[in-house]
């Protein structure tokens, strides 16, 4: 699928996988709308895109704000008459990772940013995609949703599993509408989210991980397939499997 002039929304577009994906899509000619809570980060990505003649726009909003998301989507569709691609990438983990130490506030924040935000954005764009009889939705999950552990965290693991389930539901619920949904499930990716782990991995460890650019390339591969083809689930993992036991044992009560 050619991406020139395709209208794309990317949540969490200010850093990590979202940033790398936005730059990759814009380089293919897509018009990228960056959505996130920190407008300054989004503006920084916008400047990178525009330095290579790409087109992007920024929208500072908390994606758990349904009304705010609806206003942004309405503005985009009023301007272009369509939305071709939604990438639900925004999300974060909690500082505490264990059942008994994770606070209610942390639980709610992870649910809001990872799941509620994904649902809000998807509900907002689907009616427009149904009218167009085509569209692509890509949800970014995590290996924590497949293989939960104290390293990924209790609530983050549970919610990333929910994202995988939600994607499968979309493909059933929107069957034969022309809309395809895919979930990308990365293993360890060297992004700023790793800094919030109880024991952040070393630089040497990070050098063995998948990069945001690697993950963006996988997302781009899915997007560029003809609309008749869908990849419901894609795993991308580091080739080198490192020993995580010391990091898990290093924070037994975290």
C-alpha atoms as a PDB file:
ATOM      1  CA  UNK A   1       0.000   0.000   0.000  1.00  0.00           C
ATOM      2  CA  UNK A   2       1.346   3.390  -0.960  1.00  0.00           C
ATOM      3  CA  UNK A   3       1.510   5.762   2.009  1.00  0.00           C
ATOM      4  CA  UNK A   4       1.715   9.045   0.137  1.00  0.00           C
ATOM      5  CA  UNK A   5      -0.960  11.401   1.531  1.00  0.00           C
ATOM      6  CA  UNK A   6      -2.335   8.712   3.832  1.00  0.00           C
ATOM      7  CA  UNK A   7      -3.698  10.191   7.062  1.00  0.00           C
ATOM      8  CA  UNK A   8      -2.158   8.566  10.132  1.00  0.00           C
ATOM      9  CA  UNK A   9      -2.683   9.035  13.864  1.00  0.00           C
ATOM     10  CA  UNK A  10       0.026   7.842  16.250  1.00  0.00           C
ATOM     11  CA  UNK A  11      -0.438   7.975  20.009  1.00  0.00           C
ATOM     12  CA  UNK A  12       2.617   8.260  22.221  1.00  0.00           C
ATOM     13  CA  UNK A  13       4.396   9.794  19.263  1.00  0.00           C
ATOM     14  CA  UNK A  14       6.878  11.830  21.291  1.00  0.00           C
ATOM     15  CA  UNK A  15       9.443   9.143  22.049  1.00  0.00           C
ATOM     16  CA  UNK A  16      10.483   5.524  21.610  1.00  0.00           C
ATOM     17  CA  UNK A  17       8.511   3.339  19.210  1.00  0.00           C
ATOM     18  CA  UNK A  18       5.960   6.077  18.483  1.00  0.00           C
ATOM     19  CA  UNK A  19       8.633   8.562  17.496  1.00  0.00           C
ATOM     20  CA  UNK A  20      10.490   6.087  15.280  1.00  0.00           C
ATOM     21  CA  UNK A  21       7.258   4.980  13.613  1.00  0.00           C
ATOM     22  CA  UNK A  22       6.133   8.546  12.968  1.00  0.00           C
ATOM     23  CA  UNK A  23       9.429   9.368  11.276  1.00  0.00           C
ATOM     24  CA  UNK A  24       9.279   6.175   9.194  1.00  0.00           C
ATOM     25  CA  UNK A  25       5.710   6.802   8.039  1.00  0.00           C
ATOM     26  CA  UNK A  26       6.374  10.442   7.210  1.00  0.00           C
ATOM     27  CA  UNK A  27       9.401   9.413   5.151  1.00  0.00           C
ATOM     28  CA  UNK A  28       6.994   7.369   3.009  1.00  0.00           C
ATOM     29  CA  UNK A  29       4.767  10.402   2.407  1.00  0.00           C
ATOM     30  CA  UNK A  30       2.137   9.871   5.092  1.00  0.00           C
ATOM     31  CA  UNK A  31       0.609  12.876   6.845  1.00  0.00           C
ATOM     32  CA  UNK A  32       1.258  12.057  10.490  1.00  0.00           C
ATOM     33  CA  UNK A  33      -0.776  13.349  13.427  1.00  0.00           C
ATOM     34  CA  UNK A  34       1.164  12.956  16.660  1.00  0.00           C
ATOM     35  CA  UNK A  35      -0.920  12.550  19.810  1.00  0.00           C
ATOM     36  CA  UNK A  36       0.399  12.598  23.359  1.00  0.00           C
ATOM     37  CA  UNK A  37       0.368  14.291  26.737  1.00  0.00           C
ATOM     38  CA  UNK A  38       3.670  16.161  26.417  1.00  0.00           C
ATOM     39  CA  UNK A  39       3.356  18.634  23.571  1.00  0.00           C
ATOM     40  CA  UNK A  40       7.023  19.640  23.690  1.00  0.00           C
ATOM     41  CA  UNK A  41       8.091  16.072  22.841  1.00  0.00           C
ATOM     42  CA  UNK A  42       5.629  15.925  19.966  1.00  0.00           C
ATOM     43  CA  UNK A  43       6.890  19.252  18.615  1.00  0.00           C
ATOM     44  CA  UNK A  44      10.436  17.922  18.700  1.00  0.00           C
ATOM     45  CA  UNK A  45       9.424  14.937  16.539  1.00  0.00           C
ATOM     46  CA  UNK A  46       7.483  17.242  14.230  1.00  0.00           C
ATOM     47  CA  UNK A  47      10.647  19.285  13.651  1.00  0.00           C
ATOM     48  CA  UNK A  48      12.604  16.147  12.747  1.00  0.00           C
ATOM     49  CA  UNK A  49       9.927  15.136  10.248  1.00  0.00           C
ATOM     50  CA  UNK A  50       9.721  18.570   8.689  1.00  0.00           C
ATOM     51  CA  UNK A  51      13.497  18.777   8.219  1.00  0.00           C
ATOM     52  CA  UNK A  52      13.105  16.090   5.567  1.00  0.00           C
ATOM     53  CA  UNK A  53      10.013  17.708   3.996  1.00  0.00           C
ATOM     54  CA  UNK A  54       7.589  15.410   5.784  1.00  0.00           C
ATOM     55  CA  UNK A  55       4.183  16.514   7.033  1.00  0.00           C
ATOM     56  CA  UNK A  56       3.061  16.227  10.640  1.00  0.00           C
ATOM     57  CA  UNK A  57       0.795  17.865  13.175  1.00  0.00           C
ATOM     58  CA  UNK A  58       0.747  17.704  16.961  1.00  0.00           C
ATOM     59  CA  UNK A  59      -2.124  17.253  19.409  1.00  0.00           C
ATOM     60  CA  UNK A  60      -1.468  17.528  23.131  1.00  0.00           C
ATOM     61  CA  UNK A  61      -4.076  15.443  24.952  1.00  0.00           C
ATOM     62  CA  UNK A  62      -4.372  12.672  27.506  1.00  0.00           C
ATOM     63  CA  UNK A  63      -5.800   9.790  25.452  1.00  0.00           C
ATOM     64  CA  UNK A  64      -7.918   8.659  28.409  1.00  0.00           C
ATOM     65  CA  UNK A  65      -9.918  11.865  27.762  1.00  0.00           C
ATOM     66  CA  UNK A  66     -12.608  10.525  25.420  1.00  0.00           C
ATOM     67  CA  UNK A  67     -14.051  13.944  24.608  1.00  0.00           C
ATOM     68  CA  UNK A  68     -10.592  15.302  23.828  1.00  0.00           C
ATOM     69  CA  UNK A  69      -9.829  12.412  21.467  1.00  0.00           C
ATOM     70  CA  UNK A  70     -13.189  12.809  19.748  1.00  0.00           C
ATOM     71  CA  UNK A  71     -12.477  16.498  19.128  1.00  0.00           C
ATOM     72  CA  UNK A  72      -9.089  15.714  17.569  1.00  0.00           C
ATOM     73  CA  UNK A  73     -10.491  13.003  15.305  1.00  0.00           C
ATOM     74  CA  UNK A  74     -13.368  15.268  14.260  1.00  0.00           C
ATOM     75  CA  UNK A  75     -10.899  18.016  13.383  1.00  0.00           C
ATOM     76  CA  UNK A  76      -8.788  15.645  11.295  1.00  0.00           C
ATOM     77  CA  UNK A  77     -11.749  14.198   9.417  1.00  0.00           C
ATOM     78  CA  UNK A  78     -13.189  17.678   8.819  1.00  0.00           C
ATOM     79  CA  UNK A  79      -9.884  18.611   7.170  1.00  0.00           C
ATOM     80  CA  UNK A  80      -9.131  15.465   5.166  1.00  0.00           C
ATOM     81  CA  UNK A  81     -12.406  13.589   5.050  1.00  0.00           C
ATOM     82  CA  UNK A  82     -10.740  10.371   6.190  1.00  0.00           C
ATOM     83  CA  UNK A  83      -8.369   8.554   8.528  1.00  0.00           C
ATOM     84  CA  UNK A  84      -6.363   5.731   6.993  1.00  0.00           C
ATOM     85  CA  UNK A  85      -4.235   4.485   9.851  1.00  0.00           C
ATOM     86  CA  UNK A  86      -4.331   4.465  13.656  1.00  0.00           C
ATOM     87  CA  UNK A  87      -1.356   3.292  15.669  1.00  0.00           C
ATOM     88  CA  UNK A  88      -2.206   2.855  19.347  1.00  0.00           C
ATOM     89  CA  UNK A  89       1.247   3.040  20.875  1.00  0.00           C
ATOM     90  CA  UNK A  90       0.877   5.225  23.972  1.00  0.00           C
ATOM     91  CA  UNK A  91       1.325   3.617  27.351  1.00  0.00           C
ATOM     92  CA  UNK A  92       3.547   3.256  30.372  1.00  0.00           C
ATOM     93  CA  UNK A  93       4.264   0.872  33.209  1.00  0.00           C
ATOM     94  CA  UNK A  94       4.121   1.438  36.964  1.00  0.00           C
ATOM     95  CA  UNK A  95       7.055   2.218  39.207  1.00  0.00           C
ATOM     96  CA  UNK A  96       6.087  -0.672  41.478  1.00  0.00           C
ATOM     97  CA  UNK A  97       5.824  -4.099  39.846  1.00  0.00           C
ATOM     98  CA  UNK A  98       4.506  -6.546  42.468  1.00  0.00           C
ATOM     99  CA  UNK A  99       0.890  -7.243  43.423  1.00  0.00           C
ATOM    100  CA  UNK A 100       1.160  -6.024  47.015  1.00  0.00           C
ATOM    101  CA  UNK A 101       3.244  -2.922  46.319  1.00  0.00           C
ATOM    102  CA  UNK A 102       1.490  -1.556  43.231  1.00  0.00           C
ATOM    103  CA  UNK A 103      -0.806   1.243  44.354  1.00  0.00           C
ATOM    104  CA  UNK A 104      -4.368   1.826  43.208  1.00  0.00           C
ATOM    105  CA  UNK A 105      -3.251   5.086  41.624  1.00  0.00           C
ATOM    106  CA  UNK A 106      -0.603   3.245  39.588  1.00  0.00           C
ATOM    107  CA  UNK A 107      -3.105   0.581  38.528  1.00  0.00           C
ATOM    108  CA  UNK A 108      -5.567   3.188  37.290  1.00  0.00           C
ATOM    109  CA  UNK A 109      -2.886   5.182  35.465  1.00  0.00           C
ATOM    110  CA  UNK A 110      -1.632   2.113  33.573  1.00  0.00           C
ATOM    111  CA  UNK A 111      -5.190   1.097  32.663  1.00  0.00           C
ATOM    112  CA  UNK A 112      -5.987   4.621  31.464  1.00  0.00           C
ATOM    113  CA  UNK A 113      -2.911   5.106  29.293  1.00  0.00           C
ATOM    114  CA  UNK A 114      -2.644   1.606  27.829  1.00  0.00           C
ATOM    115  CA  UNK A 115      -6.206   0.318  27.558  1.00  0.00           C
ATOM    116  CA  UNK A 116      -8.750   3.109  27.974  1.00  0.00           C
ATOM    117  CA  UNK A 117      -6.774   5.340  25.636  1.00  0.00           C
ATOM    118  CA  UNK A 118      -6.549   2.583  23.024  1.00  0.00           C
ATOM    119  CA  UNK A 119     -10.287   1.992  23.216  1.00  0.00           C
ATOM    120  CA  UNK A 120     -11.057   5.723  23.019  1.00  0.00           C
ATOM    121  CA  UNK A 121      -8.933   6.249  19.913  1.00  0.00           C
ATOM    122  CA  UNK A 122     -10.244   3.130  18.201  1.00  0.00           C
ATOM    123  CA  UNK A 123     -13.894   4.011  18.832  1.00  0.00           C
ATOM    124  CA  UNK A 124     -13.274   7.494  17.472  1.00  0.00           C
ATOM    125  CA  UNK A 125     -11.763   6.404  14.138  1.00  0.00           C
ATOM    126  CA  UNK A 126     -13.721   3.235  13.322  1.00  0.00           C
ATOM    127  CA  UNK A 127     -16.932   4.938  12.078  1.00  0.00           C
ATOM    128  CA  UNK A 128     -14.872   6.895   9.542  1.00  0.00           C
ATOM    129  CA  UNK A 129     -13.013   3.767   8.427  1.00  0.00           C
ATOM    130  CA  UNK A 130     -16.311   1.890   8.077  1.00  0.00           C
ATOM    131  CA  UNK A 131     -17.589   4.652   5.803  1.00  0.00           C
ATOM    132  CA  UNK A 132     -14.406   4.388   3.709  1.00  0.00           C
ATOM    133  CA  UNK A 133     -14.657   0.574   3.709  1.00  0.00           C
ATOM    134  CA  UNK A 134     -10.995   0.325   4.622  1.00  0.00           C
ATOM    135  CA  UNK A 135      -8.557   1.222   7.359  1.00  0.00           C
ATOM    136  CA  UNK A 136      -5.676  -0.145   9.402  1.00  0.00           C
ATOM    137  CA  UNK A 137      -5.419  -0.252  13.189  1.00  0.00           C
ATOM    138  CA  UNK A 138      -2.162  -1.338  14.809  1.00  0.00           C
ATOM    139  CA  UNK A 139      -1.951  -1.825  18.563  1.00  0.00           C
ATOM    140  CA  UNK A 140       1.421  -2.044  20.288  1.00  0.00           C
ATOM    141  CA  UNK A 141       1.504  -4.603  23.098  1.00  0.00           C
ATOM    142  CA  UNK A 142       4.504  -6.203  24.825  1.00  0.00           C
ATOM    143  CA  UNK A 143       6.103  -9.545  25.564  1.00  0.00           C
ATOM    144  CA  UNK A 144       4.873  -8.880  29.124  1.00  0.00           C
ATOM    145  CA  UNK A 145       1.358  -9.571  27.834  1.00  0.00           C
ATOM    146  CA  UNK A 146       2.427 -13.051  26.709  1.00  0.00           C
ATOM    147  CA  UNK A 147       4.946 -13.996  29.407  1.00  0.00           C
ATOM    148  CA  UNK A 148       4.108 -12.008  32.576  1.00  0.00           C
ATOM    149  CA  UNK A 149       6.790 -11.599  35.201  1.00  0.00           C
ATOM    150  CA  UNK A 150       7.750  -9.260  38.056  1.00  0.00           C
ATOM    151  CA  UNK A 151      10.070  -7.515  35.603  1.00  0.00           C
ATOM    152  CA  UNK A 152       7.203  -6.418  33.396  1.00  0.00           C
ATOM    153  CA  UNK A 153       4.975  -5.760  36.349  1.00  0.00           C
ATOM    154  CA  UNK A 154       1.601  -6.987  37.551  1.00  0.00           C
ATOM    155  CA  UNK A 155      -0.714  -4.422  36.007  1.00  0.00           C
ATOM    156  CA  UNK A 156       1.364  -3.701  32.885  1.00  0.00           C
ATOM    157  CA  UNK A 157       1.463  -7.418  32.025  1.00  0.00           C
ATOM    158  CA  UNK A 158      -2.286  -7.776  32.527  1.00  0.00           C
ATOM    159  CA  UNK A 159      -3.141  -4.740  30.418  1.00  0.00           C
ATOM    160  CA  UNK A 160      -0.774  -5.660  27.584  1.00  0.00           C
ATOM    161  CA  UNK A 161      -2.488  -9.065  27.486  1.00  0.00           C
ATOM    162  CA  UNK A 162      -5.775  -7.189  27.227  1.00  0.00           C
ATOM    163  CA  UNK A 163      -4.443  -5.263  24.209  1.00  0.00           C
ATOM    164  CA  UNK A 164      -3.714  -8.546  22.437  1.00  0.00           C
ATOM    165  CA  UNK A 165      -7.227  -9.776  23.231  1.00  0.00           C
ATOM    166  CA  UNK A 166      -8.754  -6.447  22.165  1.00  0.00           C
ATOM    167  CA  UNK A 167      -7.046  -6.692  18.775  1.00  0.00           C
ATOM    168  CA  UNK A 168      -8.441 -10.164  18.213  1.00  0.00           C
ATOM    169  CA  UNK A 169     -11.883  -8.865  19.141  1.00  0.00           C
ATOM    170  CA  UNK A 170     -11.591  -6.013  16.627  1.00  0.00           C
ATOM    171  CA  UNK A 171     -10.877  -8.427  13.790  1.00  0.00           C
ATOM    172  CA  UNK A 172     -14.035 -10.346  14.674  1.00  0.00           C
ATOM    173  CA  UNK A 173     -16.220  -7.337  15.413  1.00  0.00           C
ATOM    174  CA  UNK A 174     -15.171  -5.539  12.208  1.00  0.00           C
ATOM    175  CA  UNK A 175     -15.067  -8.614   9.998  1.00  0.00           C
ATOM    176  CA  UNK A 176     -15.722  -7.877   6.300  1.00  0.00           C
ATOM    177  CA  UNK A 177     -15.795  -4.121   6.819  1.00  0.00           C
ATOM    178  CA  UNK A 178     -12.447  -3.636   5.079  1.00  0.00           C
ATOM    179  CA  UNK A 179     -10.775  -2.713   8.371  1.00  0.00           C
ATOM    180  CA  UNK A 180      -7.779  -4.764   9.465  1.00  0.00           C
ATOM    181  CA  UNK A 181      -6.312  -4.836  12.959  1.00  0.00           C
ATOM    182  CA  UNK A 182      -2.881  -6.015  13.996  1.00  0.00           C
ATOM    183  CA  UNK A 183      -1.063  -6.257  17.305  1.00  0.00           C
ATOM    184  CA  UNK A 184       2.705  -5.876  17.437  1.00  0.00           C
ATOM    185  CA  UNK A 185       4.297  -7.640  20.396  1.00  0.00           C
ATOM    186  CA  UNK A 186       7.879  -6.492  21.000  1.00  0.00           C
ATOM    187  CA  UNK A 187      10.298  -8.135  23.342  1.00  0.00           C
ATOM    188  CA  UNK A 188      12.700  -5.854  25.172  1.00  0.00           C
ATOM    189  CA  UNK A 189      13.015  -2.567  23.301  1.00  0.00           C
ATOM    190  CA  UNK A 190      15.575   0.069  24.227  1.00  0.00           C
ATOM    191  CA  UNK A 191      13.172   2.898  25.056  1.00  0.00           C
ATOM    192  CA  UNK A 192      12.886   5.392  27.948  1.00  0.00           C
ATOM    193  CA  UNK A 193      10.280   3.174  29.632  1.00  0.00           C
ATOM    194  CA  UNK A 194      13.145   0.952  30.806  1.00  0.00           C
ATOM    195  CA  UNK A 195      14.325   3.759  33.082  1.00  0.00           C
ATOM    196  CA  UNK A 196      11.269   3.129  35.272  1.00  0.00           C
ATOM    197  CA  UNK A 197      12.214  -0.439  36.073  1.00  0.00           C
ATOM    198  CA  UNK A 198      13.241  -1.067  39.699  1.00  0.00           C
ATOM    199  CA  UNK A 199      16.669  -2.031  38.321  1.00  0.00           C
ATOM    200  CA  UNK A 200      17.181  -0.293  34.969  1.00  0.00           C
ATOM    201  CA  UNK A 201      19.228  -2.411  32.527  1.00  0.00           C
ATOM    202  CA  UNK A 202      22.813  -1.438  31.793  1.00  0.00           C
ATOM    203  CA  UNK A 203      23.965   0.142  28.558  1.00  0.00           C
ATOM    204  CA  UNK A 204      25.578  -3.153  27.627  1.00  0.00           C
ATOM    205  CA  UNK A 205      22.260  -4.954  28.131  1.00  0.00           C
ATOM    206  CA  UNK A 206      20.366  -2.349  26.116  1.00  0.00           C
ATOM    207  CA  UNK A 207      22.733  -2.828  23.199  1.00  0.00           C
ATOM    208  CA  UNK A 208      21.390  -6.381  22.786  1.00  0.00           C
ATOM    209  CA  UNK A 209      17.754  -5.252  22.610  1.00  0.00           C
ATOM    210  CA  UNK A 210      15.475  -4.447  19.709  1.00  0.00           C
ATOM    211  CA  UNK A 211      15.531  -0.726  18.890  1.00  0.00           C
ATOM    212  CA  UNK A 212      12.531   1.560  18.309  1.00  0.00           C
ATOM    213  CA  UNK A 213      13.620   1.760  14.670  1.00  0.00           C
ATOM    214  CA  UNK A 214      13.532  -2.050  14.368  1.00  0.00           C
ATOM    215  CA  UNK A 215       9.996  -2.070  15.732  1.00  0.00           C
ATOM    216  CA  UNK A 216       8.967   0.789  13.453  1.00  0.00           C
ATOM    217  CA  UNK A 217      10.257  -1.199  10.460  1.00  0.00           C
ATOM    218  CA  UNK A 218       8.044  -4.128  11.502  1.00  0.00           C
ATOM    219  CA  UNK A 219       5.038  -1.810  11.812  1.00  0.00           C
ATOM    220  CA  UNK A 220       5.803  -0.280   8.424  1.00  0.00           C
ATOM    221  CA  UNK A 221       5.911  -3.733   6.856  1.00  0.00           C
ATOM    222  CA  UNK A 222       2.383  -4.440   8.111  1.00  0.00           C
ATOM    223  CA  UNK A 223       1.072  -1.067   6.982  1.00  0.00           C
ATOM    224  CA  UNK A 224       2.512  -1.370   3.480  1.00  0.00           C
ATOM    225  CA  UNK A 225       0.887  -4.721   2.756  1.00  0.00           C
ATOM    226  CA  UNK A 226      -2.040  -4.504   0.314  1.00  0.00           C
ATOM    227  CA  UNK A 227      -5.309  -3.812   2.124  1.00  0.00           C
ATOM    228  CA  UNK A 228      -6.477  -7.335   1.282  1.00  0.00           C
ATOM    229  CA  UNK A 229      -3.740  -8.778   3.523  1.00  0.00           C
ATOM    230  CA  UNK A 230      -3.565  -8.632   7.301  1.00  0.00           C
ATOM    231  CA  UNK A 231      -1.032  -9.728   9.912  1.00  0.00           C
ATOM    232  CA  UNK A 232      -3.204 -10.203  13.016  1.00  0.00           C
ATOM    233  CA  UNK A 233      -0.223 -10.676  15.341  1.00  0.00           C
ATOM    234  CA  UNK A 234       3.486 -10.007  14.943  1.00  0.00           C
ATOM    235  CA  UNK A 235       6.243 -10.754  17.471  1.00  0.00           C
ATOM    236  CA  UNK A 236       9.603  -8.993  17.267  1.00  0.00           C
ATOM    237  CA  UNK A 237      12.246 -10.123  19.749  1.00  0.00           C
ATOM    238  CA  UNK A 238      15.950  -9.636  20.412  1.00  0.00           C
ATOM    239  CA  UNK A 239      18.058 -12.346  18.827  1.00  0.00           C
ATOM    240  CA  UNK A 240      20.208 -12.464  21.965  1.00  0.00           C
ATOM    241  CA  UNK A 241      18.324 -13.847  24.973  1.00  0.00           C
ATOM    242  CA  UNK A 242      19.815 -12.351  28.111  1.00  0.00           C
ATOM    243  CA  UNK A 243      19.627 -13.600  31.701  1.00  0.00           C
ATOM    244  CA  UNK A 244      17.064 -11.485  33.581  1.00  0.00           C
ATOM    245  CA  UNK A 245      17.193 -13.319  36.909  1.00  0.00           C
ATOM    246  CA  UNK A 246      19.521 -10.833  38.616  1.00  0.00           C
ATOM    247  CA  UNK A 247      17.298  -7.870  37.703  1.00  0.00           C
ATOM    248  CA  UNK A 248      14.193  -9.679  38.962  1.00  0.00           C
ATOM    249  CA  UNK A 249      15.857 -10.811  42.196  1.00  0.00           C
ATOM    250  CA  UNK A 250      17.447  -7.397  42.728  1.00  0.00           C
ATOM    251  CA  UNK A 251      14.130  -5.843  43.646  1.00  0.00           C
ATOM    252  CA  UNK A 252      12.101  -8.587  45.383  1.00  0.00           C
ATOM    253  CA  UNK A 253       9.680  -6.198  47.066  1.00  0.00           C
ATOM    254  CA  UNK A 254       9.350  -3.609  44.329  1.00  0.00           C
END
